[in-house]
N, C-alpha and C. Protein backbone atom coordinates (compact mmCIF):
# COMPACT_ATOMS: atom_id res chain seq x y z
N MET A 1 0.84 -1.20 0.00
CA MET A 1 0.00 0.00 0.00
C MET A 1 0.88 1.25 0.00
N THR A 2 0.48 2.26 -0.74
CA THR A 2 1.23 3.50 -0.79
C THR A 2 1.06 4.30 0.50
N ASP A 3 1.95 5.26 0.70
CA ASP A 3 1.83 6.10 1.90
C ASP A 3 0.54 6.90 1.88
N LEU A 4 0.09 7.31 0.70
CA LEU A 4 -1.17 8.05 0.63
C LEU A 4 -2.33 7.17 1.07
N GLY A 5 -2.32 5.92 0.62
CA GLY A 5 -3.36 5.00 1.04
C GLY A 5 -3.32 4.75 2.53
N LEU A 6 -2.12 4.60 3.08
CA LEU A 6 -2.00 4.43 4.53
C LEU A 6 -2.51 5.66 5.27
N ALA A 7 -2.22 6.84 4.74
CA ALA A 7 -2.67 8.07 5.38
C ALA A 7 -4.19 8.13 5.43
N LEU A 8 -4.84 7.74 4.34
CA LEU A 8 -6.30 7.72 4.32
C LEU A 8 -6.84 6.71 5.33
N GLY A 9 -6.18 5.57 5.42
CA GLY A 9 -6.60 4.58 6.39
C GLY A 9 -6.48 5.07 7.82
N TRP A 10 -5.34 5.71 8.14
CA TRP A 10 -5.16 6.24 9.48
C TRP A 10 -6.13 7.38 9.78
N ALA A 11 -6.46 8.18 8.76
CA ALA A 11 -7.46 9.23 8.96
C ALA A 11 -8.80 8.62 9.35
N GLY A 12 -9.14 7.50 8.70
CA GLY A 12 -10.38 6.81 9.05
C GLY A 12 -10.36 6.28 10.47
N VAL A 13 -9.21 5.71 10.87
CA VAL A 13 -9.08 5.20 12.24
C VAL A 13 -9.24 6.35 13.24
N LEU A 14 -8.66 7.50 12.94
CA LEU A 14 -8.74 8.65 13.83
C LEU A 14 -10.18 9.13 13.98
N VAL A 15 -10.88 9.24 12.86
CA VAL A 15 -12.26 9.71 12.90
C VAL A 15 -13.14 8.74 13.68
N VAL A 16 -12.98 7.46 13.41
CA VAL A 16 -13.79 6.45 14.10
C VAL A 16 -13.48 6.45 15.60
N GLY A 17 -12.20 6.51 15.95
CA GLY A 17 -11.81 6.48 17.35
C GLY A 17 -12.32 7.68 18.13
N LEU A 18 -12.11 8.87 17.59
CA LEU A 18 -12.56 10.07 18.29
C LEU A 18 -14.09 10.17 18.29
N GLY A 19 -14.70 9.77 17.17
CA GLY A 19 -16.16 9.77 17.11
C GLY A 19 -16.75 8.80 18.11
N GLY A 20 -16.11 7.65 18.27
CA GLY A 20 -16.57 6.68 19.26
C GLY A 20 -16.46 7.22 20.67
N ALA A 21 -15.38 7.94 20.95
CA ALA A 21 -15.21 8.53 22.28
C ALA A 21 -16.30 9.55 22.58
N VAL A 22 -16.60 10.39 21.60
CA VAL A 22 -17.66 11.38 21.78
C VAL A 22 -19.00 10.68 21.99
N GLY A 23 -19.25 9.64 21.19
CA GLY A 23 -20.50 8.91 21.32
C GLY A 23 -20.64 8.24 22.68
N LEU A 24 -19.58 7.63 23.17
CA LEU A 24 -19.63 6.98 24.49
C LEU A 24 -19.88 8.00 25.60
N HIS A 25 -19.27 9.17 25.46
CA HIS A 25 -19.51 10.20 26.47
C HIS A 25 -20.97 10.64 26.45
N ARG A 26 -21.54 10.79 25.28
CA ARG A 26 -22.94 11.20 25.20
C ARG A 26 -23.88 10.13 25.74
N LEU A 27 -23.42 8.88 25.71
CA LEU A 27 -24.21 7.79 26.27
C LEU A 27 -24.06 7.67 27.78
N GLY A 28 -23.18 8.48 28.35
CA GLY A 28 -23.07 8.50 29.80
C GLY A 28 -21.73 8.11 30.36
N LEU A 29 -20.77 7.71 29.54
CA LEU A 29 -19.46 7.36 30.06
C LEU A 29 -18.74 8.62 30.52
N ALA A 30 -18.21 8.59 31.72
CA ALA A 30 -17.52 9.76 32.26
C ALA A 30 -16.35 10.14 31.36
N ARG A 31 -16.15 11.45 31.21
CA ARG A 31 -15.11 11.90 30.27
C ARG A 31 -13.72 11.44 30.69
N THR A 32 -13.50 11.22 31.97
CA THR A 32 -12.18 10.74 32.38
C THR A 32 -11.88 9.37 31.78
N TYR A 33 -12.93 8.56 31.59
CA TYR A 33 -12.72 7.23 31.00
C TYR A 33 -12.69 7.28 29.47
N THR A 34 -13.45 8.20 28.88
CA THR A 34 -13.32 8.35 27.42
C THR A 34 -11.92 8.84 27.08
N ARG A 35 -11.39 9.71 27.93
CA ARG A 35 -10.02 10.20 27.71
C ARG A 35 -9.02 9.05 27.84
N ASP A 36 -9.24 8.17 28.82
CA ASP A 36 -8.34 7.03 28.97
C ASP A 36 -8.39 6.11 27.75
N LEU A 37 -9.59 5.91 27.21
CA LEU A 37 -9.71 5.05 26.03
C LEU A 37 -8.93 5.63 24.85
N VAL A 38 -9.07 6.93 24.63
CA VAL A 38 -8.31 7.57 23.54
C VAL A 38 -6.82 7.51 23.83
N HIS A 39 -6.47 7.73 25.08
CA HIS A 39 -5.06 7.70 25.51
C HIS A 39 -4.42 6.36 25.17
N VAL A 40 -5.11 5.29 25.50
CA VAL A 40 -4.58 3.95 25.25
C VAL A 40 -4.63 3.60 23.77
N GLY A 41 -5.75 3.89 23.14
CA GLY A 41 -5.94 3.50 21.74
C GLY A 41 -4.97 4.17 20.79
N ALA A 42 -4.51 5.37 21.14
CA ALA A 42 -3.57 6.08 20.26
C ALA A 42 -2.27 5.32 20.07
N GLY A 43 -1.95 4.44 21.01
CA GLY A 43 -0.69 3.70 20.91
C GLY A 43 -0.57 2.82 19.69
N VAL A 44 -1.71 2.47 19.08
CA VAL A 44 -1.66 1.61 17.89
C VAL A 44 -0.90 2.29 16.75
N TRP A 45 -0.80 3.60 16.80
CA TRP A 45 -0.06 4.35 15.77
C TRP A 45 1.37 3.84 15.64
N VAL A 46 2.01 3.54 16.76
CA VAL A 46 3.40 3.10 16.74
C VAL A 46 3.55 1.77 16.01
N VAL A 47 2.61 0.88 16.21
CA VAL A 47 2.68 -0.45 15.61
C VAL A 47 2.69 -0.37 14.09
N GLY A 48 2.10 0.67 13.54
CA GLY A 48 2.03 0.82 12.09
C GLY A 48 3.24 1.48 11.46
N TRP A 49 4.19 1.93 12.24
CA TRP A 49 5.35 2.64 11.66
C TRP A 49 6.10 1.85 10.59
N PRO A 50 6.34 0.56 10.77
CA PRO A 50 7.14 -0.15 9.77
C PRO A 50 6.51 -0.21 8.38
N ARG A 51 5.24 0.09 8.27
CA ARG A 51 4.57 0.00 6.97
C ARG A 51 4.78 1.23 6.08
N TRP A 52 5.25 2.32 6.67
CA TRP A 52 5.47 3.51 5.87
C TRP A 52 6.71 3.36 4.98
N HIS A 53 6.63 3.95 3.79
CA HIS A 53 7.76 3.91 2.87
C HIS A 53 8.64 5.16 2.99
N GLY A 54 8.02 6.30 3.20
CA GLY A 54 8.75 7.55 3.35
C GLY A 54 8.55 8.12 4.74
N THR A 55 9.01 9.35 4.93
CA THR A 55 8.91 9.98 6.25
C THR A 55 7.98 11.19 6.27
N ALA A 56 7.76 11.84 5.13
CA ALA A 56 7.02 13.10 5.13
C ALA A 56 5.58 12.93 5.63
N ILE A 57 4.86 11.96 5.09
CA ILE A 57 3.45 11.81 5.46
C ILE A 57 3.28 11.33 6.90
N PRO A 58 4.00 10.29 7.35
CA PRO A 58 3.80 9.88 8.75
C PRO A 58 4.24 10.93 9.77
N ILE A 59 5.14 11.82 9.41
CA ILE A 59 5.48 12.92 10.30
C ILE A 59 4.39 13.99 10.26
N ALA A 60 3.86 14.24 9.06
CA ALA A 60 2.85 15.29 8.91
C ALA A 60 1.57 14.96 9.67
N ILE A 61 1.20 13.69 9.75
CA ILE A 61 -0.08 13.32 10.38
C ILE A 61 -0.11 13.72 11.86
N PRO A 62 0.83 13.28 12.71
CA PRO A 62 0.74 13.70 14.11
C PRO A 62 1.02 15.18 14.32
N VAL A 63 1.83 15.78 13.45
CA VAL A 63 2.04 17.22 13.56
C VAL A 63 0.73 17.96 13.30
N ALA A 64 -0.01 17.52 12.28
CA ALA A 64 -1.31 18.13 12.00
C ALA A 64 -2.29 17.92 13.15
N ALA A 65 -2.26 16.73 13.75
CA ALA A 65 -3.14 16.46 14.89
C ALA A 65 -2.79 17.36 16.07
N ALA A 66 -1.48 17.54 16.30
CA ALA A 66 -1.07 18.41 17.41
C ALA A 66 -1.51 19.85 17.17
N LEU A 67 -1.36 20.32 15.94
CA LEU A 67 -1.79 21.68 15.62
C LEU A 67 -3.30 21.82 15.75
N ALA A 68 -4.04 20.77 15.37
CA ALA A 68 -5.50 20.81 15.46
C ALA A 68 -5.95 20.94 16.91
N THR A 69 -5.25 20.28 17.83
CA THR A 69 -5.68 20.37 19.23
C THR A 69 -5.54 21.79 19.77
N LEU A 70 -4.64 22.58 19.17
CA LEU A 70 -4.50 23.97 19.60
C LEU A 70 -5.73 24.79 19.26
N LEU A 71 -6.49 24.35 18.24
CA LEU A 71 -7.67 25.09 17.81
C LEU A 71 -8.91 24.75 18.62
N VAL A 72 -8.91 23.60 19.29
CA VAL A 72 -10.12 23.12 19.96
C VAL A 72 -10.65 24.09 21.01
N PRO A 73 -9.82 24.69 21.87
CA PRO A 73 -10.38 25.58 22.89
C PRO A 73 -11.16 26.76 22.34
N TRP A 74 -10.92 27.13 21.10
CA TRP A 74 -11.64 28.25 20.50
C TRP A 74 -12.91 27.81 19.77
N SER A 75 -13.19 26.52 19.77
CA SER A 75 -14.36 26.00 19.08
C SER A 75 -15.54 25.93 20.05
N ARG A 76 -16.59 26.61 19.73
CA ARG A 76 -17.76 26.63 20.60
C ARG A 76 -18.87 25.71 20.13
N THR A 77 -18.87 25.37 18.84
CA THR A 77 -19.88 24.46 18.30
C THR A 77 -19.20 23.50 17.32
N GLY A 78 -19.92 22.47 16.94
CA GLY A 78 -19.42 21.54 15.94
C GLY A 78 -18.62 20.40 16.55
N PRO A 79 -17.99 19.60 15.68
CA PRO A 79 -17.28 18.40 16.13
C PRO A 79 -16.15 18.67 17.11
N LEU A 80 -15.39 19.75 16.90
CA LEU A 80 -14.28 20.02 17.81
C LEU A 80 -14.76 20.37 19.21
N ALA A 81 -15.87 21.11 19.29
CA ALA A 81 -16.43 21.42 20.61
C ALA A 81 -16.94 20.15 21.28
N GLY A 82 -17.54 19.26 20.50
CA GLY A 82 -17.99 18.00 21.06
C GLY A 82 -16.84 17.16 21.56
N LEU A 83 -15.73 17.20 20.82
CA LEU A 83 -14.55 16.44 21.23
C LEU A 83 -14.00 16.99 22.54
N ARG A 84 -13.96 18.30 22.67
CA ARG A 84 -13.46 18.88 23.92
C ARG A 84 -14.36 18.49 25.08
N GLY A 85 -15.65 18.52 24.88
CA GLY A 85 -16.58 18.15 25.94
C GLY A 85 -16.44 16.71 26.37
N ALA A 86 -16.03 15.84 25.42
CA ALA A 86 -15.88 14.42 25.74
C ALA A 86 -14.57 14.10 26.44
N LEU A 87 -13.56 14.95 26.27
CA LEU A 87 -12.22 14.60 26.75
C LEU A 87 -11.68 15.48 27.85
N ALA A 88 -12.13 16.72 27.96
CA ALA A 88 -11.50 17.65 28.89
C ALA A 88 -12.47 18.12 29.96
N ASP A 89 -11.97 18.20 31.19
CA ASP A 89 -12.74 18.77 32.29
C ASP A 89 -11.77 19.43 33.26
N GLY A 90 -12.25 19.78 34.44
CA GLY A 90 -11.39 20.45 35.40
C GLY A 90 -10.25 19.60 35.89
N ASP A 91 -10.40 18.28 35.84
CA ASP A 91 -9.35 17.39 36.34
C ASP A 91 -8.20 17.28 35.37
N GLU A 92 -8.48 17.43 34.11
CA GLU A 92 -7.43 17.31 33.10
C GLU A 92 -7.64 18.41 32.08
N ARG A 93 -6.91 19.48 32.21
CA ARG A 93 -7.08 20.60 31.30
C ARG A 93 -6.68 20.19 29.89
N TRP A 94 -7.20 20.95 28.95
CA TRP A 94 -6.91 20.64 27.55
C TRP A 94 -5.42 20.70 27.27
N THR A 95 -4.68 21.43 28.11
CA THR A 95 -3.22 21.50 27.94
C THR A 95 -2.60 20.11 27.93
N GLY A 96 -3.09 19.21 28.78
CA GLY A 96 -2.56 17.86 28.82
C GLY A 96 -2.76 17.13 27.51
N ILE A 97 -3.88 17.37 26.85
CA ILE A 97 -4.15 16.71 25.58
C ILE A 97 -3.27 17.31 24.48
N VAL A 98 -3.04 18.62 24.55
CA VAL A 98 -2.11 19.25 23.60
C VAL A 98 -0.71 18.63 23.76
N LEU A 99 -0.28 18.43 25.00
CA LEU A 99 1.02 17.81 25.23
C LEU A 99 1.05 16.37 24.73
N TYR A 100 -0.07 15.69 24.85
CA TYR A 100 -0.14 14.30 24.38
C TYR A 100 0.06 14.23 22.87
N THR A 101 -0.70 15.02 22.14
CA THR A 101 -0.55 15.01 20.68
C THR A 101 0.80 15.58 20.28
N GLY A 102 1.30 16.55 21.04
CA GLY A 102 2.62 17.08 20.75
C GLY A 102 3.70 16.02 20.93
N SER A 103 3.56 15.18 21.95
CA SER A 103 4.52 14.10 22.15
C SER A 103 4.49 13.13 20.98
N PHE A 104 3.31 12.83 20.45
CA PHE A 104 3.24 11.94 19.29
C PHE A 104 3.92 12.57 18.08
N ALA A 105 3.77 13.88 17.92
CA ALA A 105 4.43 14.55 16.80
C ALA A 105 5.95 14.51 16.95
N VAL A 106 6.43 14.82 18.13
CA VAL A 106 7.87 14.89 18.37
C VAL A 106 8.51 13.51 18.24
N PHE A 107 7.91 12.51 18.89
CA PHE A 107 8.57 11.21 18.92
C PHE A 107 8.35 10.41 17.65
N THR A 108 7.30 10.69 16.90
CA THR A 108 7.20 10.10 15.57
C THR A 108 8.31 10.63 14.68
N THR A 109 8.56 11.93 14.77
CA THR A 109 9.65 12.53 13.99
C THR A 109 10.99 11.92 14.38
N LEU A 110 11.23 11.79 15.69
CA LEU A 110 12.48 11.20 16.14
C LEU A 110 12.63 9.76 15.67
N ALA A 111 11.53 9.03 15.67
CA ALA A 111 11.59 7.63 15.23
C ALA A 111 11.99 7.51 13.78
N LEU A 112 11.51 8.43 12.95
CA LEU A 112 11.71 8.31 11.52
C LEU A 112 13.00 8.97 11.03
N VAL A 113 13.56 9.87 11.82
CA VAL A 113 14.81 10.51 11.40
C VAL A 113 15.99 10.08 12.25
N ASP A 114 15.73 9.43 13.39
CA ASP A 114 16.82 8.99 14.25
C ASP A 114 16.72 7.48 14.44
N ARG A 115 16.21 7.02 15.59
CA ARG A 115 16.09 5.59 15.87
C ARG A 115 14.69 5.29 16.36
N PRO A 116 14.06 4.25 15.84
CA PRO A 116 12.64 4.01 16.13
C PRO A 116 12.35 3.47 17.52
N LEU A 117 13.19 2.60 18.06
CA LEU A 117 12.82 1.94 19.31
C LEU A 117 12.64 2.89 20.48
N PRO A 118 13.60 3.76 20.79
CA PRO A 118 13.38 4.64 21.95
C PRO A 118 12.11 5.48 21.82
N ALA A 119 11.86 6.01 20.62
CA ALA A 119 10.68 6.85 20.42
C ALA A 119 9.40 6.04 20.49
N GLY A 120 9.39 4.87 19.85
CA GLY A 120 8.19 4.04 19.89
C GLY A 120 7.89 3.54 21.28
N ALA A 121 8.92 3.12 22.01
CA ALA A 121 8.73 2.67 23.39
C ALA A 121 8.24 3.81 24.27
N ALA A 122 8.75 5.02 24.03
CA ALA A 122 8.31 6.18 24.81
C ALA A 122 6.82 6.42 24.65
N LEU A 123 6.33 6.35 23.41
CA LEU A 123 4.91 6.61 23.17
C LEU A 123 4.03 5.47 23.69
N LEU A 124 4.47 4.24 23.53
CA LEU A 124 3.65 3.13 24.02
C LEU A 124 3.68 3.05 25.55
N ALA A 125 4.80 3.43 26.16
CA ALA A 125 4.83 3.51 27.63
C ALA A 125 3.85 4.57 28.11
N LEU A 126 3.77 5.67 27.39
CA LEU A 126 2.81 6.72 27.73
C LEU A 126 1.38 6.23 27.53
N ALA A 127 1.12 5.63 26.37
CA ALA A 127 -0.24 5.22 26.05
C ALA A 127 -0.76 4.15 27.00
N LEU A 128 0.03 3.10 27.21
CA LEU A 128 -0.42 1.98 28.02
C LEU A 128 -0.18 2.22 29.51
N GLY A 129 1.00 2.69 29.86
CA GLY A 129 1.32 2.88 31.26
C GLY A 129 0.49 3.98 31.89
N ASP A 130 0.63 5.19 31.38
CA ASP A 130 -0.08 6.33 31.95
C ASP A 130 -1.58 6.19 31.75
N GLY A 131 -1.99 5.69 30.57
CA GLY A 131 -3.42 5.59 30.29
C GLY A 131 -4.13 4.61 31.20
N ILE A 132 -3.61 3.39 31.31
CA ILE A 132 -4.24 2.37 32.14
C ILE A 132 -4.00 2.64 33.61
N GLY A 133 -2.77 3.06 33.95
CA GLY A 133 -2.46 3.33 35.34
C GLY A 133 -3.35 4.40 35.95
N GLY A 134 -3.62 5.45 35.18
CA GLY A 134 -4.50 6.50 35.69
C GLY A 134 -5.90 6.00 35.98
N ALA A 135 -6.44 5.18 35.08
CA ALA A 135 -7.78 4.63 35.28
C ALA A 135 -7.83 3.73 36.50
N VAL A 136 -6.83 2.86 36.65
CA VAL A 136 -6.78 1.95 37.79
C VAL A 136 -6.63 2.73 39.10
N GLY A 137 -5.78 3.74 39.08
CA GLY A 137 -5.57 4.53 40.29
C GLY A 137 -6.83 5.23 40.75
N ARG A 138 -7.59 5.79 39.81
CA ARG A 138 -8.83 6.47 40.18
C ARG A 138 -9.87 5.49 40.72
N ARG A 139 -9.91 4.29 40.15
CA ARG A 139 -10.96 3.34 40.53
C ARG A 139 -10.58 2.52 41.74
N PHE A 140 -9.33 2.12 41.86
CA PHE A 140 -8.95 1.18 42.91
C PHE A 140 -7.90 1.71 43.88
N GLY A 141 -7.40 2.91 43.65
CA GLY A 141 -6.34 3.43 44.50
C GLY A 141 -6.79 3.65 45.94
N LYS A 142 -5.94 3.24 46.87
CA LYS A 142 -6.23 3.40 48.30
C LYS A 142 -5.07 4.03 49.06
N HIS A 143 -3.88 3.95 48.51
CA HIS A 143 -2.70 4.49 49.19
C HIS A 143 -2.18 5.66 48.35
N PHE A 144 -2.42 6.87 48.81
CA PHE A 144 -2.19 8.05 47.98
C PHE A 144 -0.96 8.84 48.42
N TYR A 145 -0.40 9.56 47.46
CA TYR A 145 0.73 10.44 47.71
C TYR A 145 0.71 11.53 46.65
N ALA A 146 1.49 12.55 46.85
CA ALA A 146 1.58 13.62 45.85
C ALA A 146 2.97 14.24 45.90
N ALA A 147 3.59 14.37 44.75
CA ALA A 147 4.86 15.08 44.65
C ALA A 147 4.58 16.58 44.66
N PRO A 148 5.53 17.41 45.07
CA PRO A 148 5.31 18.86 45.06
C PRO A 148 4.89 19.35 43.67
N GLY A 149 3.78 20.05 43.61
CA GLY A 149 3.29 20.59 42.36
C GLY A 149 2.54 19.60 41.49
N GLY A 150 2.42 18.35 41.93
CA GLY A 150 1.77 17.32 41.13
C GLY A 150 0.38 16.98 41.63
N LYS A 151 -0.33 16.18 40.84
CA LYS A 151 -1.63 15.68 41.25
C LYS A 151 -1.47 14.56 42.26
N ARG A 152 -2.53 14.30 42.99
CA ARG A 152 -2.51 13.16 43.90
C ARG A 152 -2.46 11.87 43.10
N LYS A 153 -1.56 10.99 43.46
CA LYS A 153 -1.40 9.69 42.80
C LYS A 153 -1.67 8.59 43.82
N SER A 154 -1.80 7.37 43.33
CA SER A 154 -1.92 6.23 44.22
C SER A 154 -0.82 5.23 43.93
N LEU A 155 -0.39 4.52 44.96
CA LEU A 155 0.62 3.49 44.76
C LEU A 155 0.11 2.41 43.81
N GLU A 156 -1.18 2.08 43.92
CA GLU A 156 -1.76 1.07 43.04
C GLU A 156 -1.68 1.52 41.58
N GLY A 157 -2.01 2.79 41.34
CA GLY A 157 -1.92 3.31 39.98
C GLY A 157 -0.50 3.33 39.47
N SER A 158 0.46 3.68 40.34
CA SER A 158 1.86 3.74 39.93
C SER A 158 2.39 2.36 39.55
N VAL A 159 1.96 1.33 40.30
CA VAL A 159 2.37 -0.03 39.95
C VAL A 159 1.84 -0.41 38.57
N VAL A 160 0.60 -0.03 38.28
CA VAL A 160 0.02 -0.36 36.97
C VAL A 160 0.68 0.47 35.87
N VAL A 161 1.08 1.70 36.18
CA VAL A 161 1.85 2.48 35.20
C VAL A 161 3.10 1.71 34.80
N ALA A 162 3.81 1.17 35.79
CA ALA A 162 5.03 0.41 35.50
C ALA A 162 4.73 -0.83 34.67
N ILE A 163 3.67 -1.55 35.03
CA ILE A 163 3.31 -2.76 34.28
C ILE A 163 2.92 -2.41 32.84
N GLY A 164 2.09 -1.38 32.69
CA GLY A 164 1.68 -0.97 31.35
C GLY A 164 2.84 -0.46 30.52
N ALA A 165 3.75 0.28 31.17
CA ALA A 165 4.92 0.78 30.45
C ALA A 165 5.81 -0.38 30.00
N ALA A 166 5.96 -1.38 30.85
CA ALA A 166 6.75 -2.55 30.46
C ALA A 166 6.13 -3.23 29.25
N ALA A 167 4.81 -3.36 29.27
CA ALA A 167 4.12 -3.94 28.11
C ALA A 167 4.33 -3.08 26.87
N GLY A 168 4.30 -1.76 27.04
CA GLY A 168 4.50 -0.86 25.91
C GLY A 168 5.88 -0.99 25.31
N VAL A 169 6.91 -1.06 26.15
CA VAL A 169 8.28 -1.21 25.66
C VAL A 169 8.43 -2.55 24.94
N ALA A 170 7.85 -3.61 25.52
CA ALA A 170 7.93 -4.93 24.89
C ALA A 170 7.23 -4.95 23.54
N ILE A 171 6.07 -4.32 23.45
CA ILE A 171 5.34 -4.27 22.17
C ILE A 171 6.14 -3.48 21.14
N ALA A 172 6.73 -2.36 21.56
CA ALA A 172 7.55 -1.57 20.63
C ALA A 172 8.73 -2.39 20.14
N SER A 173 9.37 -3.12 21.05
CA SER A 173 10.50 -3.96 20.67
C SER A 173 10.10 -4.99 19.62
N TRP A 174 8.92 -5.59 19.82
CA TRP A 174 8.42 -6.59 18.87
C TRP A 174 8.01 -5.95 17.54
N ALA A 175 7.22 -4.89 17.60
CA ALA A 175 6.68 -4.29 16.38
C ALA A 175 7.77 -3.66 15.52
N LEU A 176 8.78 -3.09 16.18
CA LEU A 176 9.83 -2.38 15.46
C LEU A 176 11.06 -3.26 15.21
N ARG A 177 10.96 -4.53 15.60
CA ARG A 177 12.02 -5.50 15.38
C ARG A 177 13.36 -5.00 15.92
N ALA A 178 13.31 -4.57 17.17
CA ALA A 178 14.51 -4.06 17.85
C ALA A 178 14.56 -4.69 19.23
N PRO A 179 15.05 -5.90 19.34
CA PRO A 179 14.99 -6.63 20.61
C PRO A 179 15.74 -5.92 21.74
N VAL A 180 15.13 -5.96 22.92
CA VAL A 180 15.78 -5.48 24.14
C VAL A 180 15.56 -6.54 25.22
N GLY A 181 16.45 -6.60 26.17
CA GLY A 181 16.37 -7.60 27.21
C GLY A 181 15.35 -7.25 28.28
N PRO A 182 14.95 -8.25 29.07
CA PRO A 182 13.96 -8.01 30.13
C PRO A 182 14.44 -7.03 31.17
N GLY A 183 15.75 -6.99 31.43
CA GLY A 183 16.27 -6.04 32.40
C GLY A 183 16.07 -4.60 31.95
N VAL A 184 16.33 -4.35 30.67
CA VAL A 184 16.12 -3.00 30.12
C VAL A 184 14.65 -2.63 30.17
N ILE A 185 13.78 -3.57 29.82
CA ILE A 185 12.34 -3.31 29.87
C ILE A 185 11.90 -2.98 31.29
N ALA A 186 12.41 -3.73 32.27
CA ALA A 186 12.04 -3.49 33.67
C ALA A 186 12.48 -2.11 34.14
N VAL A 187 13.70 -1.71 33.81
CA VAL A 187 14.18 -0.41 34.24
C VAL A 187 13.41 0.70 33.53
N ALA A 188 13.12 0.52 32.24
CA ALA A 188 12.33 1.52 31.51
C ALA A 188 10.96 1.69 32.15
N ALA A 189 10.37 0.59 32.61
CA ALA A 189 9.07 0.65 33.27
C ALA A 189 9.14 1.44 34.56
N ILE A 190 10.21 1.23 35.33
CA ILE A 190 10.38 1.97 36.57
C ILE A 190 10.60 3.45 36.29
N VAL A 191 11.38 3.74 35.25
CA VAL A 191 11.59 5.14 34.85
C VAL A 191 10.26 5.80 34.51
N ALA A 192 9.40 5.09 33.76
CA ALA A 192 8.10 5.65 33.39
C ALA A 192 7.25 5.91 34.62
N ALA A 193 7.22 4.96 35.55
CA ALA A 193 6.40 5.12 36.75
C ALA A 193 6.89 6.28 37.61
N LEU A 194 8.21 6.40 37.76
CA LEU A 194 8.75 7.50 38.54
C LEU A 194 8.48 8.84 37.87
N ALA A 195 8.63 8.88 36.55
CA ALA A 195 8.38 10.13 35.82
C ALA A 195 6.92 10.55 35.97
N GLU A 196 6.01 9.58 35.87
CA GLU A 196 4.59 9.89 36.01
C GLU A 196 4.28 10.36 37.43
N ALA A 197 4.97 9.78 38.41
CA ALA A 197 4.70 10.12 39.80
C ALA A 197 5.15 11.54 40.16
N ILE A 198 6.25 11.99 39.59
CA ILE A 198 6.81 13.29 40.00
C ILE A 198 6.47 14.41 39.02
N ALA A 199 5.82 14.08 37.91
CA ALA A 199 5.53 15.11 36.90
C ALA A 199 4.62 16.19 37.48
N PRO A 200 4.93 17.45 37.25
CA PRO A 200 4.01 18.52 37.66
C PRO A 200 2.65 18.34 37.01
N ARG A 201 1.65 18.91 37.61
CA ARG A 201 0.27 18.75 37.14
C ARG A 201 0.16 19.02 35.65
N ALA A 202 -0.52 18.09 34.95
CA ALA A 202 -0.85 18.21 33.52
C ALA A 202 0.35 18.09 32.60
N THR A 203 1.53 17.68 33.14
CA THR A 203 2.70 17.58 32.28
C THR A 203 3.15 16.14 32.05
N ASP A 204 2.48 15.16 32.66
CA ASP A 204 2.95 13.78 32.54
C ASP A 204 2.95 13.29 31.10
N ASN A 205 2.08 13.86 30.25
CA ASN A 205 2.05 13.45 28.84
C ASN A 205 3.31 13.86 28.08
N ALA A 206 4.09 14.74 28.66
CA ALA A 206 5.39 15.08 28.08
C ALA A 206 6.53 14.47 28.88
N VAL A 207 6.43 14.49 30.21
CA VAL A 207 7.52 14.03 31.06
C VAL A 207 7.77 12.53 30.91
N VAL A 208 6.69 11.73 30.88
CA VAL A 208 6.85 10.27 30.79
C VAL A 208 7.57 9.86 29.51
N PRO A 209 7.11 10.28 28.33
CA PRO A 209 7.82 9.82 27.12
C PRO A 209 9.24 10.36 27.02
N VAL A 210 9.48 11.58 27.48
CA VAL A 210 10.85 12.11 27.45
C VAL A 210 11.77 11.25 28.30
N ALA A 211 11.30 10.87 29.49
CA ALA A 211 12.13 10.07 30.39
C ALA A 211 12.43 8.70 29.80
N VAL A 212 11.41 8.05 29.26
CA VAL A 212 11.60 6.72 28.69
C VAL A 212 12.49 6.80 27.45
N TRP A 213 12.26 7.79 26.60
CA TRP A 213 13.09 7.95 25.40
C TRP A 213 14.55 8.17 25.77
N ALA A 214 14.80 9.05 26.74
CA ALA A 214 16.17 9.36 27.12
C ALA A 214 16.89 8.13 27.65
N PHE A 215 16.19 7.34 28.47
CA PHE A 215 16.81 6.13 29.01
C PHE A 215 17.13 5.14 27.90
N LEU A 216 16.16 4.86 27.03
CA LEU A 216 16.38 3.86 26.00
C LEU A 216 17.34 4.34 24.92
N ARG A 217 17.31 5.62 24.65
CA ARG A 217 18.27 6.16 23.67
C ARG A 217 19.69 6.00 24.17
N LEU A 218 19.85 6.06 25.50
CA LEU A 218 21.17 5.93 26.10
C LEU A 218 21.64 4.47 26.12
N VAL A 219 20.73 3.56 26.50
CA VAL A 219 21.19 2.18 26.75
C VAL A 219 20.87 1.22 25.63
N ALA A 220 19.85 1.53 24.80
CA ALA A 220 19.41 0.55 23.81
C ALA A 220 19.58 1.01 22.37
N GLY A 221 19.51 2.31 22.14
CA GLY A 221 19.55 2.78 20.75
C GLY A 221 18.30 2.36 20.04
N GLY A 222 18.39 1.39 19.12
CA GLY A 222 17.20 0.88 18.47
C GLY A 222 17.32 0.95 16.97
């Protein structure tokens, strides 16, 4: 398939995914959980990287998505306003979502012009670790703590962040055909959990992938 065909396919996935999130919210699903679904589901983008032939289109897609999120706060009606209503509330300002899409733009670019594994693992650690860990922490967390300037976290959520991040690094290693050992995966998972725990409010969508990328770029390359 050509890159143009792949781009059209990914555009369809994006529309269906975001439309589904808006629809679920309108059916009564709390926006914090619709946000988690989008957070986790976005990770599939990394798995598709090896299918691209060039770099211009796959870089342009997340860059365009990141730029589009900057326009959402000024939208009062229409699909963008509906998307904001489904994903953003007082607990998670739209800034966090801008950072999330910005991270996908930055690390997709790094993957395609530098080395794919650190960038892909960074995004999947963010998608699976932070996405699932946050949901588990809100629902099942009982032992809470907070770093200076950060949101309240739970130990239960932090453990799941580490588990999800480990799964993300392992999936990136498999999908991008860049094997890493279990020890490296374990340390990367701990790095992700610590980064998520100490990140200032609304910045974990940038802090987590930067931390994981820096660690893997140093020890694994890819």
